Amino acid sequence: PLIEVLDALKAEGNSVFVVEHNMDVVSRAQWIVDVGPGAGSNGGQVLYSGEDAGPSEIEASVTRRFLDPGPAPRREQREPGGWVRLRGVELHNLAGVDAAFPLGVFCSVTGVSGSGKSSLVCGALAQAAGGPVVAEPEELEMAAERAVIAEVTGAQQLSRVVLMDQKPIGRTPRSNVATYTGLFDAVRKAFAELPLSRERGYNAGRFSFNVAGGRCETCQGEGYLEIELLFLPGTYGPCPECHGARYNEQTLEVEYRGKNIAQVLQLDVSEAEEFLSGIPAAARALATLREVGLGYLRLGQPATELSGGEAQRIKLASELQRARRGHTLYLLDEPTTGLH
C-alpha cells in the first residue's frame, strides 16, 4: 500500500524523494542515490546517482548485495525451550486475545500499523513476564498502562525483561555514547588514579562534565551553548570559552597516555578500543559497541546527533556487555530499521 501511494503521488506530477532501507521500496525507484560506503567517518560519499540497478555495478556499495540478494541461506530451526501463554488479553484495541510465545528462540510479531503488536508485546507480554522492565523512562510509558490478562502460564521461567525501541538515548548534547554505556565511569576513575590527579587531589568527579569543579562553567560542561531564536526552535553553538572541550584548562592538563579527557572523548569507538585496552571495563563496552557496527561513533558524540537505529544499537550494546544472569526476555519494538 505504501508503494502504491508513492506511485500515485508521482503520477500526479510530484517529485518524491524517500530515505529508505527497505529494498522493496528502493527497487521500485526510478532513480537511486547510494551514499556510503560505510557509516559516520567512513561514509559521506555519493557512490552512485542514476537509474534503477546502477549500484549493482559499484563494488564499494553495501546496497548492491541487497538489490539482488538471491535465495536466503537456510538456518537450522531452533526448538522452543518453553512457552509463555496469555489468555484473555485486553489492552487498547486488543479484545480478549489469546497468544502463546516460544522461549529460547527468535520470535517475530507482525501485522499492519495500528493492529496491536506493541500493545501485545511491549504492554501485555512485558507485564505478564513480571520481571523488571529495563528501559529508558519514555519506553516505560507503554508498560505503564496495565493490561487485563485473564490467565498467564509459563512466565515463571523468566527472570528479567528488557524492552528496547528507537527513542533517543538523550535529548541534549550532555548525553553521549560514553555516558550511556557506563564506560565513562571506568575512564574517569583511571584519570583520577594518575600521578598528577593524586598530587592535585582530583577524584573521578573532577573528570565529569556534569559536576562543577572540572567542567567549563561557561557552558556548564555541555561544550555548547543553546542559542534561542525568535519564533523558531533553539539551536546549539560551540562554547566560546572551552571551544567544545567541556572542561576547564586545569582539568585538561591531566593526560592518560598523552591524551587529556576531552581528547579521549573525541576518539571513535575503534580507536578507543585500542587506546583504552588497559582499562578492562571500558574495553569490554567498546568491543561490544564495535561488534554491533558502531565502531565509527565518537565516544563524546552527543545523543542529539544519533539516528534511531544508532540509538537502539547503543541500548543493545549496553545490555550485551552485562554479565548474564537468569533467562532474559528481550523485547525489541521495530528493531530492523538501520540494524542490517
C-alpha atoms as a PDB file:
ATOM      1  CA  PRO A   1       0.000   0.000   0.000  1.00  0.00           C
ATOM      2  CA  LEU A   2       2.837   2.447   0.763  1.00  0.00           C
ATOM      3  CA  ILE A   3       4.417   1.900  -2.665  1.00  0.00           C
ATOM      4  CA  GLU A   4       1.015   2.432  -4.340  1.00  0.00           C
ATOM      5  CA  VAL A   5       0.615   5.758  -2.509  1.00  0.00           C
ATOM      6  CA  LEU A   6       4.110   6.868  -3.578  1.00  0.00           C
ATOM      7  CA  ASP A   7       3.322   5.881  -7.185  1.00  0.00           C
ATOM      8  CA  ALA A   8       0.079   7.884  -7.010  1.00  0.00           C
ATOM      9  CA  LEU A   9       1.928  10.967  -5.777  1.00  0.00           C
ATOM     10  CA  LYS A  10       4.397  10.625  -8.662  1.00  0.00           C
ATOM     11  CA  ALA A  11       1.593  10.079 -11.200  1.00  0.00           C
ATOM     12  CA  GLU A  12       0.089  13.438 -10.203  1.00  0.00           C
ATOM     13  CA  GLY A  13       3.273  15.171 -11.342  1.00  0.00           C
ATOM     14  CA  ASN A  14       5.043  15.421  -7.993  1.00  0.00           C
ATOM     15  CA  SER A  15       8.692  14.666  -7.169  1.00  0.00           C
ATOM     16  CA  VAL A  16       9.022  12.006  -4.472  1.00  0.00           C
ATOM     17  CA  PHE A  17      12.288  11.603  -2.530  1.00  0.00           C
ATOM     18  CA  VAL A  18      12.472   8.765   0.024  1.00  0.00           C
ATOM     19  CA  VAL A  19      15.230   7.924   2.538  1.00  0.00           C
ATOM     20  CA  GLU A  20      14.808   4.173   2.873  1.00  0.00           C
ATOM     21  CA  HIS A  21      16.468   0.870   3.821  1.00  0.00           C
ATOM     22  CA  ASN A  22      13.641  -1.355   2.563  1.00  0.00           C
ATOM     23  CA  MET A  23      14.670  -2.940  -0.733  1.00  0.00           C
ATOM     24  CA  ASP A  24      11.057  -3.333  -1.945  1.00  0.00           C
ATOM     25  CA  VAL A  25      10.829   0.451  -1.993  1.00  0.00           C
ATOM     26  CA  VAL A  26      14.362   1.016  -3.327  1.00  0.00           C
ATOM     27  CA  SER A  27      13.884  -1.444  -6.206  1.00  0.00           C
ATOM     28  CA  ARG A  28      10.754   0.463  -7.346  1.00  0.00           C
ATOM     29  CA  ALA A  29      12.598   3.794  -7.508  1.00  0.00           C
ATOM     30  CA  GLN A  30      13.332   5.252 -10.958  1.00  0.00           C
ATOM     31  CA  TRP A  31      16.460   6.989  -9.694  1.00  0.00           C
ATOM     32  CA  ILE A  32      18.753   5.786  -6.899  1.00  0.00           C
ATOM     33  CA  VAL A  33      21.301   7.818  -4.935  1.00  0.00           C
ATOM     34  CA  ASP A  34      23.580   5.455  -2.990  1.00  0.00           C
ATOM     35  CA  VAL A  35      25.578   7.028  -0.138  1.00  0.00           C
ATOM     36  CA  GLY A  36      28.417   5.287   1.692  1.00  0.00           C
ATOM     37  CA  PRO A  37      30.433   3.178   1.670  1.00  0.00           C
ATOM     38  CA  GLY A  38      30.218   2.886   5.464  1.00  0.00           C
ATOM     39  CA  ALA A  39      28.713   4.996   8.219  1.00  0.00           C
ATOM     40  CA  GLY A  40      29.974   8.002  10.181  1.00  0.00           C
ATOM     41  CA  SER A  41      33.516   8.993   9.200  1.00  0.00           C
ATOM     42  CA  ASN A  42      33.571   6.009   6.805  1.00  0.00           C
ATOM     43  CA  GLY A  43      30.629   7.404   4.838  1.00  0.00           C
ATOM     44  CA  GLY A  44      29.648  10.703   3.291  1.00  0.00           C
ATOM     45  CA  GLN A  45      30.395   9.814  -0.340  1.00  0.00           C
ATOM     46  CA  VAL A  46      27.853   9.587  -3.145  1.00  0.00           C
ATOM     47  CA  LEU A  47      28.773   6.229  -4.680  1.00  0.00           C
ATOM     48  CA  TYR A  48      26.086   6.270  -7.362  1.00  0.00           C
ATOM     49  CA  SER A  49      23.399   8.601  -8.656  1.00  0.00           C
ATOM     50  CA  GLY A  50      21.426   7.265 -11.582  1.00  0.00           C
ATOM     51  CA  GLU A  51      18.728   4.954 -12.824  1.00  0.00           C
ATOM     52  CA  ASP A  52      17.490   1.677 -11.355  1.00  0.00           C
ATOM     53  CA  ALA A  53      20.047  -1.043 -10.755  1.00  0.00           C
ATOM     54  CA  GLY A  54      23.181   1.107 -11.019  1.00  0.00           C
ATOM     55  CA  PRO A  55      24.583   0.357  -7.511  1.00  0.00           C
ATOM     56  CA  SER A  56      24.921  -3.320  -8.514  1.00  0.00           C
ATOM     57  CA  GLU A  57      27.921  -2.242 -10.617  1.00  0.00           C
ATOM     58  CA  ILE A  58      29.629  -0.336  -7.774  1.00  0.00           C
ATOM     59  CA  GLU A  59      31.947  -2.686  -5.880  1.00  0.00           C
ATOM     60  CA  ALA A  60      32.250  -0.437  -2.805  1.00  0.00           C
ATOM     61  CA  SER A  61      28.475  -0.273  -2.374  1.00  0.00           C
ATOM     62  CA  VAL A  62      26.928  -2.177   0.527  1.00  0.00           C
ATOM     63  CA  THR A  63      23.484  -1.680  -1.057  1.00  0.00           C
ATOM     64  CA  ARG A  64      24.363  -3.736  -4.155  1.00  0.00           C
ATOM     65  CA  ARG A  65      24.242  -7.021  -2.168  1.00  0.00           C
ATOM     66  CA  PHE A  66      20.595  -6.388  -1.288  1.00  0.00           C
ATOM     67  CA  LEU A  67      19.266  -5.329  -4.705  1.00  0.00           C
ATOM     68  CA  ASP A  68      19.543  -8.930  -5.925  1.00  0.00           C
ATOM     69  CA  PRO A  69      20.343 -10.985  -2.813  1.00  0.00           C
ATOM     70  CA  GLY A  70      19.436 -14.414  -4.232  1.00  0.00           C
ATOM     71  CA  PRO A  71      17.884 -17.127  -2.058  1.00  0.00           C
ATOM     72  CA  ALA A  72      18.180 -16.641   1.698  1.00  0.00           C
ATOM     73  CA  PRO A  73      20.548 -19.096   3.409  1.00  0.00           C
ATOM     74  CA  ARG A  74      18.786 -21.899   5.255  1.00  0.00           C
ATOM     75  CA  ARG A  75      19.194 -21.819   9.012  1.00  0.00           C
ATOM     76  CA  GLU A  76      18.766 -24.607  11.473  1.00  0.00           C
ATOM     77  CA  GLN A  77      15.372 -24.313  13.137  1.00  0.00           C
ATOM     78  CA  ARG A  78      15.543 -23.924  16.912  1.00  0.00           C
ATOM     79  CA  GLU A  79      13.149 -25.807  19.120  1.00  0.00           C
ATOM     80  CA  PRO A  80      11.400 -23.714  21.801  1.00  0.00           C
ATOM     81  CA  GLY A  81      12.662 -24.322  25.328  1.00  0.00           C
ATOM     82  CA  GLY A  82       9.268 -23.437  26.777  1.00  0.00           C
ATOM     83  CA  TRP A  83       6.235 -21.207  26.251  1.00  0.00           C
ATOM     84  CA  VAL A  84       4.598 -18.178  27.831  1.00  0.00           C
ATOM     85  CA  ARG A  85       0.842 -18.310  27.249  1.00  0.00           C
ATOM     86  CA  LEU A  86      -1.553 -15.401  27.700  1.00  0.00           C
ATOM     87  CA  ARG A  87      -5.332 -15.775  27.726  1.00  0.00           C
ATOM     88  CA  GLY A  88      -7.970 -13.073  27.555  1.00  0.00           C
ATOM     89  CA  VAL A  89      -5.702 -10.064  26.958  1.00  0.00           C
ATOM     90  CA  GLU A  90      -7.434  -6.691  26.858  1.00  0.00           C
ATOM     91  CA  LEU A  91      -5.397  -3.536  26.209  1.00  0.00           C
ATOM     92  CA  HIS A  92      -6.187  -0.698  23.784  1.00  0.00           C
ATOM     93  CA  ASN A  93      -7.685  -2.469  20.720  1.00  0.00           C
ATOM     94  CA  LEU A  94      -6.845  -6.000  21.959  1.00  0.00           C
ATOM     95  CA  ALA A  95     -10.166  -7.623  22.864  1.00  0.00           C
ATOM     96  CA  GLY A  96      -9.903 -10.960  24.667  1.00  0.00           C
ATOM     97  CA  VAL A  97      -6.791 -12.068  22.737  1.00  0.00           C
ATOM     98  CA  ASP A  98      -5.146 -15.456  23.402  1.00  0.00           C
ATOM     99  CA  ALA A  99      -1.460 -15.746  22.451  1.00  0.00           C
ATOM    100  CA  ALA A 100       1.471 -18.121  23.038  1.00  0.00           C
ATOM    101  CA  PHE A 101       5.134 -17.045  22.791  1.00  0.00           C
ATOM    102  CA  PRO A 102       8.006 -19.571  22.383  1.00  0.00           C
ATOM    103  CA  LEU A 103      11.090 -19.176  24.603  1.00  0.00           C
ATOM    104  CA  GLY A 104      14.714 -19.733  23.633  1.00  0.00           C
ATOM    105  CA  VAL A 105      14.056 -18.712  20.002  1.00  0.00           C
ATOM    106  CA  PHE A 106      13.832 -15.592  17.858  1.00  0.00           C
ATOM    107  CA  CYS A 107      10.127 -14.790  17.524  1.00  0.00           C
ATOM    108  CA  SER A 108       8.672 -12.125  15.193  1.00  0.00           C
ATOM    109  CA  VAL A 109       5.285 -10.495  15.787  1.00  0.00           C
ATOM    110  CA  THR A 110       3.941  -8.917  12.599  1.00  0.00           C
ATOM    111  CA  GLY A 111       0.873  -7.052  11.372  1.00  0.00           C
ATOM    112  CA  VAL A 112      -0.220  -3.768   9.798  1.00  0.00           C
ATOM    113  CA  SER A 113       0.308  -0.447  11.576  1.00  0.00           C
ATOM    114  CA  GLY A 114      -2.084   0.003  14.484  1.00  0.00           C
ATOM    115  CA  SER A 115      -3.045  -3.663  14.661  1.00  0.00           C
ATOM    116  CA  GLY A 116      -1.931  -4.033  18.305  1.00  0.00           C
ATOM    117  CA  LYS A 117       1.572  -5.528  18.014  1.00  0.00           C
ATOM    118  CA  SER A 118       3.203  -3.146  20.502  1.00  0.00           C
ATOM    119  CA  SER A 119       0.237  -3.386  22.883  1.00  0.00           C
ATOM    120  CA  LEU A 120       0.516  -7.183  22.877  1.00  0.00           C
ATOM    121  CA  VAL A 121       4.326  -7.447  23.173  1.00  0.00           C
ATOM    122  CA  CYS A 122       5.551  -4.280  24.923  1.00  0.00           C
ATOM    123  CA  GLY A 123       2.409  -3.983  27.010  1.00  0.00           C
ATOM    124  CA  ALA A 124       0.791  -7.321  27.844  1.00  0.00           C
ATOM    125  CA  LEU A 125       3.760  -9.701  27.437  1.00  0.00           C
ATOM    126  CA  ALA A 126       6.170  -7.404  29.344  1.00  0.00           C
ATOM    127  CA  GLN A 127       3.615  -7.117  32.134  1.00  0.00           C
ATOM    128  CA  ALA A 128       2.932 -10.864  32.221  1.00  0.00           C
ATOM    129  CA  ALA A 129       6.663 -11.717  32.346  1.00  0.00           C
ATOM    130  CA  GLY A 130       6.742  -9.987  35.726  1.00  0.00           C
ATOM    131  CA  GLY A 131      10.441  -9.103  35.787  1.00  0.00           C
ATOM    132  CA  PRO A 132      11.702  -5.537  35.996  1.00  0.00           C
ATOM    133  CA  VAL A 133      11.487  -3.797  32.628  1.00  0.00           C
ATOM    134  CA  VAL A 134      14.926  -2.304  31.884  1.00  0.00           C
ATOM    135  CA  ALA A 135      14.484   0.643  29.551  1.00  0.00           C
ATOM    136  CA  GLU A 136      14.517   4.400  29.169  1.00  0.00           C
ATOM    137  CA  PRO A 137      11.830   6.293  31.141  1.00  0.00           C
ATOM    138  CA  GLU A 138       9.998   7.141  27.900  1.00  0.00           C
ATOM    139  CA  GLU A 139       9.889   3.468  26.960  1.00  0.00           C
ATOM    140  CA  LEU A 140       8.029   2.649  30.147  1.00  0.00           C
ATOM    141  CA  GLU A 141       5.029   4.699  29.021  1.00  0.00           C
ATOM    142  CA  MET A 142       3.702   1.722  27.066  1.00  0.00           C
ATOM    143  CA  ALA A 143       4.156  -0.603  30.030  1.00  0.00           C
ATOM    144  CA  ALA A 144       2.567   1.905  32.398  1.00  0.00           C
ATOM    145  CA  GLU A 145      -0.904   1.177  31.041  1.00  0.00           C
ATOM    146  CA  ARG A 146      -1.868  -2.098  32.668  1.00  0.00           C
ATOM    147  CA  ALA A 147      -3.380  -4.816  30.518  1.00  0.00           C
ATOM    148  CA  VAL A 148      -6.216  -7.025  31.729  1.00  0.00           C
ATOM    149  CA  ILE A 149      -4.997 -10.633  31.423  1.00  0.00           C
ATOM    150  CA  ALA A 150      -7.300 -13.481  32.430  1.00  0.00           C
ATOM    151  CA  GLU A 151      -4.532 -16.100  32.755  1.00  0.00           C
ATOM    152  CA  VAL A 152      -0.729 -16.319  32.413  1.00  0.00           C
ATOM    153  CA  THR A 153       1.252 -19.581  32.299  1.00  0.00           C
ATOM    154  CA  GLY A 154       4.995 -20.191  31.824  1.00  0.00           C
ATOM    155  CA  ALA A 155       6.180 -16.733  32.890  1.00  0.00           C
ATOM    156  CA  GLN A 156       7.964 -18.185  35.937  1.00  0.00           C
ATOM    157  CA  GLN A 157      10.737 -19.348  33.554  1.00  0.00           C
ATOM    158  CA  LEU A 158      11.762 -15.712  33.009  1.00  0.00           C
ATOM    159  CA  SER A 159      13.896 -13.759  35.458  1.00  0.00           C
ATOM    160  CA  ARG A 160      14.261 -10.459  33.597  1.00  0.00           C
ATOM    161  CA  VAL A 161      12.643  -8.399  30.847  1.00  0.00           C
ATOM    162  CA  VAL A 162      14.447  -5.883  28.625  1.00  0.00           C
ATOM    163  CA  LEU A 163      12.434  -3.559  26.387  1.00  0.00           C
ATOM    164  CA  MET A 164      14.162  -1.534  23.651  1.00  0.00           C
ATOM    165  CA  ASP A 165      12.935   0.788  20.933  1.00  0.00           C
ATOM    166  CA  GLN A 166      14.389   3.573  18.783  1.00  0.00           C
ATOM    167  CA  LYS A 167      13.677   6.516  21.069  1.00  0.00           C
ATOM    168  CA  PRO A 168      16.763   8.756  21.602  1.00  0.00           C
ATOM    169  CA  ILE A 169      19.182   7.911  24.434  1.00  0.00           C
ATOM    170  CA  GLY A 170      19.058  11.593  25.421  1.00  0.00           C
ATOM    171  CA  ARG A 171      17.619  14.876  24.235  1.00  0.00           C
ATOM    172  CA  THR A 172      20.577  17.236  24.896  1.00  0.00           C
ATOM    173  CA  PRO A 173      24.316  17.171  23.997  1.00  0.00           C
ATOM    174  CA  ARG A 174      25.008  16.270  27.652  1.00  0.00           C
ATOM    175  CA  SER A 175      24.107  12.625  26.965  1.00  0.00           C
ATOM    176  CA  ASN A 176      26.535  10.705  24.765  1.00  0.00           C
ATOM    177  CA  VAL A 177      27.833   7.239  23.875  1.00  0.00           C
ATOM    178  CA  ALA A 178      30.388   7.102  26.711  1.00  0.00           C
ATOM    179  CA  THR A 179      27.996   8.147  29.477  1.00  0.00           C
ATOM    180  CA  TYR A 180      25.071   5.982  28.350  1.00  0.00           C
ATOM    181  CA  THR A 181      27.077   2.740  28.172  1.00  0.00           C
ATOM    182  CA  GLY A 182      28.790   3.393  31.524  1.00  0.00           C
ATOM    183  CA  LEU A 183      32.314   3.080  30.110  1.00  0.00           C
ATOM    184  CA  PHE A 184      33.000   6.719  31.005  1.00  0.00           C
ATOM    185  CA  ASP A 185      32.882   5.825  34.720  1.00  0.00           C
ATOM    186  CA  ALA A 186      35.866   3.495  34.229  1.00  0.00           C
ATOM    187  CA  VAL A 187      37.736   6.116  32.175  1.00  0.00           C
ATOM    188  CA  ARG A 188      37.193   8.847  34.804  1.00  0.00           C
ATOM    189  CA  LYS A 189      38.395   6.500  37.532  1.00  0.00           C
ATOM    190  CA  ALA A 190      41.574   5.779  35.547  1.00  0.00           C
ATOM    191  CA  PHE A 191      42.226   9.533  35.131  1.00  0.00           C
ATOM    192  CA  ALA A 192      41.721  10.061  38.876  1.00  0.00           C
ATOM    193  CA  GLU A 193      44.437   7.496  39.628  1.00  0.00           C
ATOM    194  CA  LEU A 194      47.102   9.290  37.554  1.00  0.00           C
ATOM    195  CA  PRO A 195      50.024  10.870  39.489  1.00  0.00           C
ATOM    196  CA  LEU A 196      49.088  14.477  38.618  1.00  0.00           C
ATOM    197  CA  SER A 197      45.489  13.875  39.733  1.00  0.00           C
ATOM    198  CA  ARG A 198      46.658  12.470  43.079  1.00  0.00           C
ATOM    199  CA  GLU A 199      49.070  15.369  43.533  1.00  0.00           C
ATOM    200  CA  ARG A 200      46.258  17.883  42.978  1.00  0.00           C
ATOM    201  CA  GLY A 201      43.629  15.900  44.879  1.00  0.00           C
ATOM    202  CA  TYR A 202      41.402  15.280  41.841  1.00  0.00           C
ATOM    203  CA  ASN A 203      38.842  12.486  42.200  1.00  0.00           C
ATOM    204  CA  ALA A 204      36.747  10.845  39.466  1.00  0.00           C
ATOM    205  CA  GLY A 205      34.132  13.585  39.782  1.00  0.00           C
ATOM    206  CA  ARG A 206      36.695  16.112  38.578  1.00  0.00           C
ATOM    207  CA  PHE A 207      36.549  14.468  35.126  1.00  0.00           C
ATOM    208  CA  SER A 208      32.773  14.563  34.854  1.00  0.00           C
ATOM    209  CA  PHE A 209      31.363  17.356  32.709  1.00  0.00           C
ATOM    210  CA  ASN A 210      28.155  17.148  34.740  1.00  0.00           C
ATOM    211  CA  VAL A 211      29.811  18.226  38.023  1.00  0.00           C
ATOM    212  CA  ALA A 212      31.153  21.664  38.989  1.00  0.00           C
ATOM    213  CA  GLY A 213      34.902  21.777  39.527  1.00  0.00           C
ATOM    214  CA  GLY A 214      36.464  20.217  36.462  1.00  0.00           C
ATOM    215  CA  ARG A 215      33.988  21.309  33.838  1.00  0.00           C
ATOM    216  CA  CYS A 216      33.859  24.573  31.907  1.00  0.00           C
ATOM    217  CA  GLU A 217      31.448  26.772  33.845  1.00  0.00           C
ATOM    218  CA  THR A 218      30.582  28.969  30.855  1.00  0.00           C
ATOM    219  CA  CYS A 219      28.711  26.115  29.160  1.00  0.00           C
ATOM    220  CA  GLN A 220      28.406  24.045  32.375  1.00  0.00           C
ATOM    221  CA  GLY A 221      30.116  21.097  30.698  1.00  0.00           C
ATOM    222  CA  GLU A 222      27.891  20.826  27.637  1.00  0.00           C
ATOM    223  CA  GLY A 223      30.520  22.095  25.190  1.00  0.00           C
ATOM    224  CA  TYR A 224      27.718  24.008  23.503  1.00  0.00           C
ATOM    225  CA  LEU A 225      25.540  26.977  24.312  1.00  0.00           C
ATOM    226  CA  GLU A 226      21.880  26.996  23.365  1.00  0.00           C
ATOM    227  CA  ILE A 227      21.005  29.869  21.069  1.00  0.00           C
ATOM    228  CA  GLU A 228      17.377  30.932  21.283  1.00  0.00           C
ATOM    229  CA  LEU A 229      15.831  32.113  18.030  1.00  0.00           C
ATOM    230  CA  LEU A 230      12.732  34.286  17.915  1.00  0.00           C
ATOM    231  CA  PHE A 231       9.722  32.289  16.616  1.00  0.00           C
ATOM    232  CA  LEU A 232      11.979  29.334  15.754  1.00  0.00           C
ATOM    233  CA  PRO A 233      13.275  26.296  17.693  1.00  0.00           C
ATOM    234  CA  GLY A 234      16.535  26.912  19.564  1.00  0.00           C
ATOM    235  CA  THR A 235      19.846  25.657  18.211  1.00  0.00           C
ATOM    236  CA  TYR A 236      23.319  24.942  19.660  1.00  0.00           C
ATOM    237  CA  GLY A 237      26.672  26.649  19.045  1.00  0.00           C
ATOM    238  CA  PRO A 238      30.211  25.785  20.348  1.00  0.00           C
ATOM    239  CA  CYS A 239      31.145  27.307  23.715  1.00  0.00           C
ATOM    240  CA  PRO A 240      33.404  30.382  23.205  1.00  0.00           C
ATOM    241  CA  GLU A 241      35.381  29.565  26.385  1.00  0.00           C
ATOM    242  CA  CYS A 242      36.278  25.864  26.011  1.00  0.00           C
ATOM    243  CA  HIS A 243      35.515  25.595  22.259  1.00  0.00           C
ATOM    244  CA  GLY A 244      33.571  22.385  22.786  1.00  0.00           C
ATOM    245  CA  ALA A 245      36.106  20.655  25.080  1.00  0.00           C
ATOM    246  CA  ARG A 246      33.621  20.745  28.045  1.00  0.00           C
ATOM    247  CA  TYR A 247      36.418  21.081  30.657  1.00  0.00           C
ATOM    248  CA  ASN A 248      38.484  23.897  32.160  1.00  0.00           C
ATOM    249  CA  GLU A 249      42.222  24.282  31.492  1.00  0.00           C
ATOM    250  CA  GLN A 250      43.363  22.746  34.807  1.00  0.00           C
ATOM    251  CA  THR A 251      41.444  19.531  34.161  1.00  0.00           C
ATOM    252  CA  LEU A 252      42.790  19.276  30.613  1.00  0.00           C
ATOM    253  CA  GLU A 253      46.383  19.337  31.949  1.00  0.00           C
ATOM    254  CA  VAL A 254      45.932  15.758  33.228  1.00  0.00           C
ATOM    255  CA  GLU A 255      46.806  13.257  30.495  1.00  0.00           C
ATOM    256  CA  TYR A 256      46.401   9.493  30.141  1.00  0.00           C
ATOM    257  CA  ARG A 257      48.893   8.050  27.620  1.00  0.00           C
ATOM    258  CA  GLY A 258      49.355  11.525  26.123  1.00  0.00           C
ATOM    259  CA  LYS A 259      45.683  12.458  25.798  1.00  0.00           C
ATOM    260  CA  ASN A 260      43.515  14.569  28.074  1.00  0.00           C
ATOM    261  CA  ILE A 261      39.918  13.664  28.927  1.00  0.00           C
ATOM    262  CA  ALA A 262      38.462  15.837  26.121  1.00  0.00           C
ATOM    263  CA  GLN A 263      40.730  14.197  23.524  1.00  0.00           C
ATOM    264  CA  VAL A 264      39.669  10.748  24.729  1.00  0.00           C
ATOM    265  CA  LEU A 265      36.032  11.730  24.141  1.00  0.00           C
ATOM    266  CA  GLN A 266      36.965  12.685  20.566  1.00  0.00           C
ATOM    267  CA  LEU A 267      38.194   9.151  19.795  1.00  0.00           C
ATOM    268  CA  ASP A 268      35.879   6.907  17.833  1.00  0.00           C
ATOM    269  CA  VAL A 269      34.960   3.503  19.265  1.00  0.00           C
ATOM    270  CA  SER A 270      37.505   1.571  17.154  1.00  0.00           C
ATOM    271  CA  GLU A 271      40.358   3.929  18.110  1.00  0.00           C
ATOM    272  CA  ALA A 272      39.317   3.970  21.758  1.00  0.00           C
ATOM    273  CA  GLU A 273      39.195   0.173  21.949  1.00  0.00           C
ATOM    274  CA  GLU A 274      42.930   0.069  21.302  1.00  0.00           C
ATOM    275  CA  PHE A 275      43.781   3.223  23.283  1.00  0.00           C
ATOM    276  CA  LEU A 276      41.830   2.149  26.397  1.00  0.00           C
ATOM    277  CA  SER A 277      42.787  -1.534  26.247  1.00  0.00           C
ATOM    278  CA  GLY A 278      44.408  -1.201  29.677  1.00  0.00           C
ATOM    279  CA  ILE A 279      41.027  -0.390  31.279  1.00  0.00           C
ATOM    280  CA  PRO A 280      39.125  -3.730  31.188  1.00  0.00           C
ATOM    281  CA  ALA A 281      35.643  -2.341  31.944  1.00  0.00           C
ATOM    282  CA  ALA A 282      35.934   0.266  29.163  1.00  0.00           C
ATOM    283  CA  ALA A 283      37.490  -2.203  26.706  1.00  0.00           C
ATOM    284  CA  ARG A 284      34.605  -4.654  27.184  1.00  0.00           C
ATOM    285  CA  ALA A 285      31.999  -1.972  26.463  1.00  0.00           C
ATOM    286  CA  LEU A 286      33.925  -0.719  23.433  1.00  0.00           C
ATOM    287  CA  ALA A 287      34.288  -4.226  21.974  1.00  0.00           C
ATOM    288  CA  THR A 288      30.522  -4.715  22.218  1.00  0.00           C
ATOM    289  CA  LEU A 289      29.828  -1.366  20.531  1.00  0.00           C
ATOM    290  CA  ARG A 290      32.156  -2.333  17.683  1.00  0.00           C
ATOM    291  CA  GLU A 291      30.529  -5.741  17.321  1.00  0.00           C
ATOM    292  CA  VAL A 292      27.089  -4.171  16.770  1.00  0.00           C
ATOM    293  CA  GLY A 293      28.538  -1.995  13.996  1.00  0.00           C
ATOM    294  CA  LEU A 294      29.150   1.277  15.857  1.00  0.00           C
ATOM    295  CA  GLY A 295      32.941   1.414  15.566  1.00  0.00           C
ATOM    296  CA  TYR A 296      32.700   4.771  13.774  1.00  0.00           C
ATOM    297  CA  LEU A 297      30.898   6.692  16.561  1.00  0.00           C
ATOM    298  CA  ARG A 298      32.880   9.129  18.709  1.00  0.00           C
ATOM    299  CA  LEU A 299      32.752   8.471  22.467  1.00  0.00           C
ATOM    300  CA  GLY A 300      31.568  12.015  23.140  1.00  0.00           C
ATOM    301  CA  GLN A 301      29.165  12.170  20.203  1.00  0.00           C
ATOM    302  CA  PRO A 302      26.036  13.916  21.522  1.00  0.00           C
ATOM    303  CA  ALA A 303      22.839  11.878  21.671  1.00  0.00           C
ATOM    304  CA  THR A 304      21.148  14.585  19.598  1.00  0.00           C
ATOM    305  CA  GLU A 305      23.317  13.572  16.611  1.00  0.00           C
ATOM    306  CA  LEU A 306      22.406   9.870  16.668  1.00  0.00           C
ATOM    307  CA  SER A 307      19.905   8.206  14.347  1.00  0.00           C
ATOM    308  CA  GLY A 308      17.135   5.953  15.686  1.00  0.00           C
ATOM    309  CA  GLY A 309      18.989   2.812  14.587  1.00  0.00           C
ATOM    310  CA  GLU A 310      22.203   4.005  16.251  1.00  0.00           C
ATOM    311  CA  ALA A 311      20.369   4.793  19.493  1.00  0.00           C
ATOM    312  CA  GLN A 312      18.839   1.323  19.530  1.00  0.00           C
ATOM    313  CA  ARG A 313      22.170  -0.374  18.881  1.00  0.00           C
ATOM    314  CA  ILE A 314      23.754   1.588  21.757  1.00  0.00           C
ATOM    315  CA  LYS A 315      20.983   0.311  24.043  1.00  0.00           C
ATOM    316  CA  LEU A 316      21.582  -3.208  22.703  1.00  0.00           C
ATOM    317  CA  ALA A 317      25.356  -2.958  23.260  1.00  0.00           C
ATOM    318  CA  SER A 318      24.820  -1.610  26.801  1.00  0.00           C
ATOM    319  CA  GLU A 319      22.725  -4.674  27.553  1.00  0.00           C
ATOM    320  CA  LEU A 320      25.016  -7.230  25.873  1.00  0.00           C
ATOM    321  CA  GLN A 321      28.088  -6.129  27.859  1.00  0.00           C
ATOM    322  CA  ARG A 322      26.363  -7.046  31.139  1.00  0.00           C
ATOM    323  CA  ALA A 323      27.153 -10.278  32.954  1.00  0.00           C
ATOM    324  CA  ARG A 324      24.462 -12.803  32.051  1.00  0.00           C
ATOM    325  CA  ARG A 325      22.094 -13.896  34.748  1.00  0.00           C
ATOM    326  CA  GLY A 326      18.957 -15.999  34.509  1.00  0.00           C
ATOM    327  CA  HIS A 327      16.654 -16.233  31.496  1.00  0.00           C
ATOM    328  CA  THR A 328      16.180 -12.776  29.949  1.00  0.00           C
ATOM    329  CA  LEU A 329      13.310 -11.900  27.614  1.00  0.00           C
ATOM    330  CA  TYR A 330      14.334  -9.223  25.090  1.00  0.00           C
ATOM    331  CA  LEU A 331      11.532  -7.178  23.521  1.00  0.00           C
ATOM    332  CA  LEU A 332      12.624  -5.099  20.523  1.00  0.00           C
ATOM    333  CA  ASP A 333       9.994  -2.813  19.027  1.00  0.00           C
ATOM    334  CA  GLU A 334      10.662  -2.462  15.279  1.00  0.00           C
ATOM    335  CA  PRO A 335      14.344  -3.404  15.532  1.00  0.00           C
ATOM    336  CA  THR A 336      15.186  -3.946  11.858  1.00  0.00           C
ATOM    337  CA  THR A 337      15.455  -0.323  10.710  1.00  0.00           C
ATOM    338  CA  GLY A 338      19.150   0.518  10.458  1.00  0.00           C
ATOM    339  CA  LEU A 339      20.266  -2.767  12.019  1.00  0.00           C
ATOM    340  CA  HIS A 340      21.314  -4.512   8.807  1.00  0.00           C
END
